[in-house]
C-alpha atoms as a PDB file:
ATOM      1  CA  MET A   1       0.000   0.000   0.000  1.00  0.00           C
ATOM      2  CA  SER A   2       1.731   3.142  -1.190  1.00  0.00           C
ATOM      3  CA  THR A   3      -0.530   5.851   0.180  1.00  0.00           C
ATOM      4  CA  PRO A   4      -0.911   6.100   3.946  1.00  0.00           C
ATOM      5  CA  MET A   5      -4.474   5.400   5.021  1.00  0.00           C
ATOM      6  CA  LYS A   6      -6.239   7.237   7.825  1.00  0.00           C
ATOM      7  CA  PHE A   7      -8.519   4.974   9.851  1.00  0.00           C
ATOM      8  CA  LEU A   8     -11.408   5.818  12.160  1.00  0.00           C
ATOM      9  CA  ILE A   9     -11.962   3.171  14.834  1.00  0.00           C
ATOM     10  CA  VAL A  10     -15.478   3.247  16.274  1.00  0.00           C
ATOM     11  CA  ASP A  11     -16.240   1.213  19.401  1.00  0.00           C
ATOM     12  CA  ASP A  12     -17.865   2.052  22.733  1.00  0.00           C
ATOM     13  CA  PHE A  13     -15.247  -0.033  24.560  1.00  0.00           C
ATOM     14  CA  SER A  14     -11.936   1.859  24.892  1.00  0.00           C
ATOM     15  CA  THR A  15      -9.905  -1.342  25.306  1.00  0.00           C
ATOM     16  CA  MET A  16     -11.231  -2.641  21.974  1.00  0.00           C
ATOM     17  CA  ARG A  17     -10.369   0.664  20.268  1.00  0.00           C
ATOM     18  CA  ARG A  18      -6.833   0.406  21.651  1.00  0.00           C
ATOM     19  CA  ILE A  19      -6.494  -3.236  20.489  1.00  0.00           C
ATOM     20  CA  VAL A  20      -7.652  -2.370  16.950  1.00  0.00           C
ATOM     21  CA  ARG A  21      -5.365   0.692  16.859  1.00  0.00           C
ATOM     22  CA  ASN A  22      -2.373  -1.417  17.943  1.00  0.00           C
ATOM     23  CA  LEU A  23      -3.155  -4.153  15.403  1.00  0.00           C
ATOM     24  CA  LEU A  24      -3.460  -1.554  12.624  1.00  0.00           C
ATOM     25  CA  LYS A  25      -0.119  -0.063  13.695  1.00  0.00           C
ATOM     26  CA  GLU A  26       1.518  -3.519  13.608  1.00  0.00           C
ATOM     27  CA  ILE A  27       0.131  -4.050  10.097  1.00  0.00           C
ATOM     28  CA  GLY A  28       1.588  -0.698   9.026  1.00  0.00           C
ATOM     29  CA  HIS A  29      -1.353   1.701   9.405  1.00  0.00           C
ATOM     30  CA  ALA A  30      -0.282   4.075  12.154  1.00  0.00           C
ATOM     31  CA  ASP A  31      -2.662   6.919  11.293  1.00  0.00           C
ATOM     32  CA  ALA A  32      -5.864   6.288  13.241  1.00  0.00           C
ATOM     33  CA  ASP A  33      -8.411   8.239  15.254  1.00  0.00           C
ATOM     34  CA  GLU A  34     -11.107   6.926  17.576  1.00  0.00           C
ATOM     35  CA  ALA A  35     -14.769   7.529  18.352  1.00  0.00           C
ATOM     36  CA  GLU A  36     -16.875   5.915  21.078  1.00  0.00           C
ATOM     37  CA  ASP A  37     -20.146   5.805  19.149  1.00  0.00           C
ATOM     38  CA  GLY A  38     -21.690   6.444  15.741  1.00  0.00           C
ATOM     39  CA  VAL A  39     -22.736  10.021  16.544  1.00  0.00           C
ATOM     40  CA  ILE A  40     -19.177  11.068  17.401  1.00  0.00           C
ATOM     41  CA  ALA A  41     -17.820   9.033  14.475  1.00  0.00           C
ATOM     42  CA  LEU A  42     -20.135  10.689  11.958  1.00  0.00           C
ATOM     43  CA  ASN A  43     -19.128  14.122  13.242  1.00  0.00           C
ATOM     44  CA  LYS A  44     -15.424  13.241  12.914  1.00  0.00           C
ATOM     45  CA  LEU A  45     -15.970  11.799   9.433  1.00  0.00           C
ATOM     46  CA  LYS A  46     -17.738  14.953   8.251  1.00  0.00           C
ATOM     47  CA  ASN A  47     -14.999  17.197   9.654  1.00  0.00           C
ATOM     48  CA  GLY A  48     -11.910  15.161   8.880  1.00  0.00           C
ATOM     49  CA  SER A  49     -10.418  13.220   6.043  1.00  0.00           C
ATOM     50  CA  PHE A  50     -10.502   9.491   6.610  1.00  0.00           C
ATOM     51  CA  ASN A  51      -9.913   6.639   4.176  1.00  0.00           C
ATOM     52  CA  PHE A  52     -11.359   3.731   6.146  1.00  0.00           C
ATOM     53  CA  VAL A  53     -13.801   3.045   8.994  1.00  0.00           C
ATOM     54  CA  VAL A  54     -13.589   0.093  11.394  1.00  0.00           C
ATOM     55  CA  SER A  55     -16.835   0.063  13.365  1.00  0.00           C
ATOM     56  CA  ASP A  56     -18.338  -2.029  16.112  1.00  0.00           C
ATOM     57  CA  ILE A  57     -22.020  -2.882  15.650  1.00  0.00           C
ATOM     58  CA  ASN A  58     -23.385  -2.755  19.205  1.00  0.00           C
ATOM     59  CA  MET A  59     -22.954   0.781  20.553  1.00  0.00           C
ATOM     60  CA  PRO A  60     -25.133   3.322  22.375  1.00  0.00           C
ATOM     61  CA  ASN A  61     -26.542   6.484  20.699  1.00  0.00           C
ATOM     62  CA  MET A  62     -25.966   5.282  17.129  1.00  0.00           C
ATOM     63  CA  ASN A  63     -25.036   1.666  16.425  1.00  0.00           C
ATOM     64  CA  GLY A  64     -22.773   0.404  13.651  1.00  0.00           C
ATOM     65  CA  PHE A  65     -25.623  -0.322  11.233  1.00  0.00           C
ATOM     66  CA  GLN A  66     -27.040   3.176  11.702  1.00  0.00           C
ATOM     67  CA  LEU A  67     -23.557   4.656  11.206  1.00  0.00           C
ATOM     68  CA  LEU A  68     -23.082   2.572   8.054  1.00  0.00           C
ATOM     69  CA  ALA A  69     -26.436   3.817   6.700  1.00  0.00           C
ATOM     70  CA  GLU A  70     -25.491   7.443   7.443  1.00  0.00           C
ATOM     71  CA  ILE A  71     -22.101   7.035   5.734  1.00  0.00           C
ATOM     72  CA  LYS A  72     -23.635   5.398   2.640  1.00  0.00           C
ATOM     73  CA  LYS A  73     -26.294   8.079   2.168  1.00  0.00           C
ATOM     74  CA  ASP A  74     -23.796  10.960   2.468  1.00  0.00           C
ATOM     75  CA  GLU A  75     -22.351  11.961  -0.938  1.00  0.00           C
ATOM     76  CA  ALA A  76     -19.046  13.032   0.627  1.00  0.00           C
ATOM     77  CA  LEU A  77     -18.622   9.827   2.678  1.00  0.00           C
ATOM     78  CA  LYS A  78     -20.287   7.015   0.731  1.00  0.00           C
ATOM     79  CA  HIS A  79     -17.008   5.985  -0.951  1.00  0.00           C
ATOM     80  CA  LEU A  80     -15.483   5.051   2.428  1.00  0.00           C
ATOM     81  CA  PRO A  81     -14.961   1.336   3.037  1.00  0.00           C
ATOM     82  CA  VAL A  82     -16.502   0.256   6.357  1.00  0.00           C
ATOM     83  CA  LEU A  83     -15.315  -2.884   8.141  1.00  0.00           C
ATOM     84  CA  MET A  84     -17.924  -4.057  10.654  1.00  0.00           C
ATOM     85  CA  VAL A  85     -16.748  -5.651  13.898  1.00  0.00           C
ATOM     86  CA  THR A  86     -18.984  -7.542  16.310  1.00  0.00           C
ATOM     87  CA  ALA A  87     -18.913 -10.061  19.110  1.00  0.00           C
ATOM     88  CA  GLU A  88     -21.856 -11.935  17.599  1.00  0.00           C
ATOM     89  CA  ALA A  89     -21.537 -14.002  14.439  1.00  0.00           C
ATOM     90  CA  ARG A  90     -25.239 -13.876  13.643  1.00  0.00           C
ATOM     91  CA  LYS A  91     -26.031 -14.664  10.038  1.00  0.00           C
ATOM     92  CA  GLU A  92     -28.645 -11.887   9.866  1.00  0.00           C
ATOM     93  CA  ASP A  93     -26.048  -9.336  11.032  1.00  0.00           C
ATOM     94  CA  ILE A  94     -23.606 -10.447   8.342  1.00  0.00           C
ATOM     95  CA  VAL A  95     -26.357 -10.206   5.705  1.00  0.00           C
ATOM     96  CA  MET A  96     -27.463  -6.791   7.027  1.00  0.00           C
ATOM     97  CA  ALA A  97     -23.871  -5.503   6.947  1.00  0.00           C
ATOM     98  CA  ALA A  98     -23.424  -6.688   3.345  1.00  0.00           C
ATOM     99  CA  GLN A  99     -26.759  -5.255   2.238  1.00  0.00           C
ATOM    100  CA  GLY A 100     -25.923  -1.974   3.963  1.00  0.00           C
ATOM    101  CA  GLY A 101     -22.757  -1.643   1.927  1.00  0.00           C
ATOM    102  CA  ALA A 102     -20.133  -2.752   4.448  1.00  0.00           C
ATOM    103  CA  ALA A 103     -16.823  -3.680   2.844  1.00  0.00           C
ATOM    104  CA  GLY A 104     -16.332  -6.566   5.272  1.00  0.00           C
ATOM    105  CA  TYR A 105     -17.223  -8.179   8.574  1.00  0.00           C
ATOM    106  CA  ILE A 106     -15.044  -9.512  11.425  1.00  0.00           C
ATOM    107  CA  VAL A 107     -16.101 -11.352  14.578  1.00  0.00           C
ATOM    108  CA  LYS A 108     -14.390 -10.557  17.911  1.00  0.00           C
ATOM    109  CA  PRO A 109     -12.012 -11.696  19.184  1.00  0.00           C
ATOM    110  CA  PHE A 110      -9.824 -11.630  16.081  1.00  0.00           C
ATOM    111  CA  THR A 111      -6.099 -11.849  15.428  1.00  0.00           C
ATOM    112  CA  LYS A 112      -3.708  -9.557  13.624  1.00  0.00           C
ATOM    113  CA  ALA A 113      -3.645 -12.091  10.753  1.00  0.00           C
ATOM    114  CA  THR A 114      -7.446 -12.031  10.448  1.00  0.00           C
ATOM    115  CA  LEU A 115      -7.530  -8.223  10.354  1.00  0.00           C
ATOM    116  CA  GLU A 116      -4.624  -8.104   7.902  1.00  0.00           C
ATOM    117  CA  ASP A 117      -6.299 -10.640   5.564  1.00  0.00           C
ATOM    118  CA  LYS A 118      -9.641  -8.830   5.716  1.00  0.00           C
ATOM    119  CA  LEU A 119      -8.022  -5.452   4.966  1.00  0.00           C
ATOM    120  CA  ALA A 120      -5.942  -6.928   2.125  1.00  0.00           C
ATOM    121  CA  ASN A 121      -9.100  -8.384   0.530  1.00  0.00           C
ATOM    122  CA  ILE A 122     -10.954  -5.067   0.860  1.00  0.00           C
ATOM    123  CA  PHE A 123      -7.999  -3.091  -0.575  1.00  0.00           C
ATOM    124  CA  LYS A 124      -7.776  -5.544  -3.469  1.00  0.00           C
ATOM    125  CA  LYS A 125     -11.514  -5.222  -4.179  1.00  0.00           C
ATOM    126  CA  LEU A 126     -11.179  -1.434  -4.143  1.00  0.00           C
ATOM    127  CA  GLY A 127      -8.069  -1.503  -6.304  1.00  0.00           C
ATOM    128  CA  LEU A 128      -5.849   0.113  -3.644  1.00  0.00           C
END
């Protein structure tokens, strides 16, 4: 990946945000910001320049599916790839994420290798 990517990590659990940030750094993506829910994330996305969103699904105020819907209906943001992260591997959630336009889906807990593979597949699909 030649261009540095700026990630936004969205999760209501600070430890999970830190884990994802550290894994991204280990993979080579050191530029990341954090938000504790979809409302804060959407605000940051509208006021910053991000290339990728990693979002939890279950959060207060605005969950991951609502955030995904908001991103996809915003002309300035809809190009952003969104990787959904959840503790529950429910088939309907995976289907909902795909239908909502998510670039991918990961179930917690996950390893660095899993995240790296998922990102590589998404980058390849997007031609990055």
